[in-house]
């Protein structure tokens, strides 16, 4: 695949370490779904759990922990009784939202074709 003058060049992939490291964190389905769920505003854990269908409590906890560590999601604990914790997309995480939406739209647009290809293989 060649690139002509004026076309953007792909990022260098010498060892792929940086790309692999980031994709390991955000490339899993739960991270993308959590970021997508938070795009409209902060949510509490239970609200997120209901919005991200199929995620277990343990997996949601781990996913949120990693997204907070990476600075893509913020965690705000309020000193109330009962305690309240909200999760929100950070500025950095917000830059990921259009990519998540584009990937989701692509998946919806091509899901039938992909499923047809899967059923046609002998694997």
Protein backbone atom coordinates (compact mmCIF):
# COMPACT_ATOMS: atom_id res chain seq x y z
CA UNK A 1 0.00 0.00 0.00
CA UNK A 2 1.68 3.20 -1.15
CA UNK A 3 1.08 6.78 -0.17
CA UNK A 4 1.19 9.67 -2.58
CA UNK A 5 2.24 13.21 -1.94
CA UNK A 6 -0.35 15.09 0.09
CA UNK A 7 -1.82 12.00 1.76
CA UNK A 8 -1.26 11.55 5.49
CA UNK A 9 1.35 8.99 6.39
CA UNK A 10 0.55 6.30 8.92
CA UNK A 11 2.27 6.61 12.30
CA UNK A 12 5.64 4.87 12.58
CA UNK A 13 5.25 1.30 13.80
CA UNK A 14 8.85 0.38 14.54
CA UNK A 15 8.13 -1.86 17.50
CA UNK A 16 4.51 -0.91 18.08
CA UNK A 17 5.13 -0.70 21.83
CA UNK A 18 3.32 2.58 22.45
CA UNK A 19 0.43 1.64 20.19
CA UNK A 20 0.09 -1.81 21.78
CA UNK A 21 0.20 -0.35 25.28
CA UNK A 22 -2.59 2.14 24.60
CA UNK A 23 -4.71 -0.35 22.65
CA UNK A 24 -4.35 -2.89 25.45
CA UNK A 25 -6.06 -0.39 27.74
CA UNK A 26 -8.67 1.24 25.52
CA UNK A 27 -9.08 -1.40 22.84
CA UNK A 28 -11.15 -3.80 24.91
CA UNK A 29 -14.91 -3.68 24.49
CA UNK A 30 -15.66 -2.60 28.04
CA UNK A 31 -13.41 0.48 27.99
CA UNK A 32 -14.92 1.69 24.73
CA UNK A 33 -18.46 1.06 25.96
CA UNK A 34 -17.81 2.84 29.27
CA UNK A 35 -16.34 5.90 27.54
CA UNK A 36 -19.30 5.90 25.16
CA UNK A 37 -21.75 5.61 28.05
CA UNK A 38 -20.15 8.59 29.81
CA UNK A 39 -20.17 10.88 26.78
CA UNK A 40 -23.40 12.63 27.85
CA UNK A 41 -22.31 13.35 31.40
CA UNK A 42 -21.29 11.86 34.74
CA UNK A 43 -22.84 8.63 35.96
CA UNK A 44 -22.81 6.66 39.18
CA UNK A 45 -21.56 3.08 39.22
CA UNK A 46 -25.06 1.54 39.17
CA UNK A 47 -26.14 3.77 36.29
CA UNK A 48 -23.05 2.75 34.32
CA UNK A 49 -23.70 -0.90 35.09
CA UNK A 50 -27.21 -0.59 33.64
CA UNK A 51 -26.03 1.34 30.57
CA UNK A 52 -23.17 -1.04 29.71
CA UNK A 53 -25.21 -4.17 29.13
CA UNK A 54 -23.49 -7.45 29.94
CA UNK A 55 -20.59 -6.12 32.00
CA UNK A 56 -20.03 -7.80 35.36
CA UNK A 57 -19.58 -5.73 38.49
CA UNK A 58 -15.98 -6.92 38.80
CA UNK A 59 -15.14 -6.10 35.16
CA UNK A 60 -16.75 -2.67 35.40
CA UNK A 61 -14.74 -1.97 38.56
CA UNK A 62 -11.47 -2.99 36.86
CA UNK A 63 -12.28 -1.08 33.69
CA UNK A 64 -13.09 2.10 35.62
CA UNK A 65 -9.91 1.70 37.69
CA UNK A 66 -7.79 1.51 34.51
CA UNK A 67 -9.60 4.37 32.78
CA UNK A 68 -9.11 6.56 35.87
CA UNK A 69 -5.41 5.57 36.09
CA UNK A 70 -4.95 6.51 32.43
CA UNK A 71 -6.67 9.87 32.87
CA UNK A 72 -9.54 9.10 30.50
CA UNK A 73 -12.21 9.05 33.22
CA UNK A 74 -12.42 10.97 36.49
CA UNK A 75 -13.79 9.60 39.74
CA UNK A 76 -15.39 12.06 42.15
CA UNK A 77 -16.39 10.90 45.63
CA UNK A 78 -18.84 13.12 47.51
CA UNK A 79 -18.77 13.23 51.31
CA UNK A 80 -22.43 12.41 51.78
CA UNK A 81 -24.45 9.80 53.59
CA UNK A 82 -24.82 7.46 51.84
CA UNK A 83 -21.56 8.04 49.94
CA UNK A 84 -21.92 9.02 46.28
CA UNK A 85 -19.29 8.43 43.58
CA UNK A 86 -19.59 9.70 40.02
CA UNK A 87 -17.54 8.90 36.94
CA UNK A 88 -17.06 11.32 34.04
CA UNK A 89 -15.04 11.51 30.85
CA UNK A 90 -12.01 13.81 31.21
CA UNK A 91 -10.74 16.20 28.55
CA UNK A 92 -8.38 13.50 27.31
CA UNK A 93 -11.18 10.92 27.35
CA UNK A 94 -13.43 13.30 25.40
CA UNK A 95 -10.91 13.20 22.52
CA UNK A 96 -11.58 9.46 22.35
CA UNK A 97 -15.40 9.84 22.11
CA UNK A 98 -15.56 10.63 18.35
CA UNK A 99 -13.39 7.59 17.66
CA UNK A 100 -15.62 5.38 19.81
CA UNK A 101 -18.70 6.67 18.01
CA UNK A 102 -17.08 6.16 14.59
CA UNK A 103 -16.09 2.60 15.50
CA UNK A 104 -19.60 1.84 16.79
CA UNK A 105 -21.16 3.26 13.62
CA UNK A 106 -18.77 1.20 11.48
CA UNK A 107 -19.62 -1.94 13.44
CA UNK A 108 -23.36 -1.37 13.00
CA UNK A 109 -22.96 -0.61 9.30
CA UNK A 110 -20.91 -3.73 8.59
CA UNK A 111 -22.20 -6.25 11.15
CA UNK A 112 -24.40 -8.13 8.68
CA UNK A 113 -21.57 -8.47 6.18
CA UNK A 114 -19.15 -9.62 8.85
CA UNK A 115 -21.64 -12.18 10.20
CA UNK A 116 -22.29 -13.45 6.67
CA UNK A 117 -18.55 -13.86 6.13
CA UNK A 118 -18.21 -15.72 9.42
CA UNK A 119 -20.94 -18.17 8.56
CA UNK A 120 -19.38 -18.79 5.15
CA UNK A 121 -15.99 -19.87 6.53
CA UNK A 122 -15.08 -23.43 7.32
CA UNK A 123 -13.32 -22.59 10.56
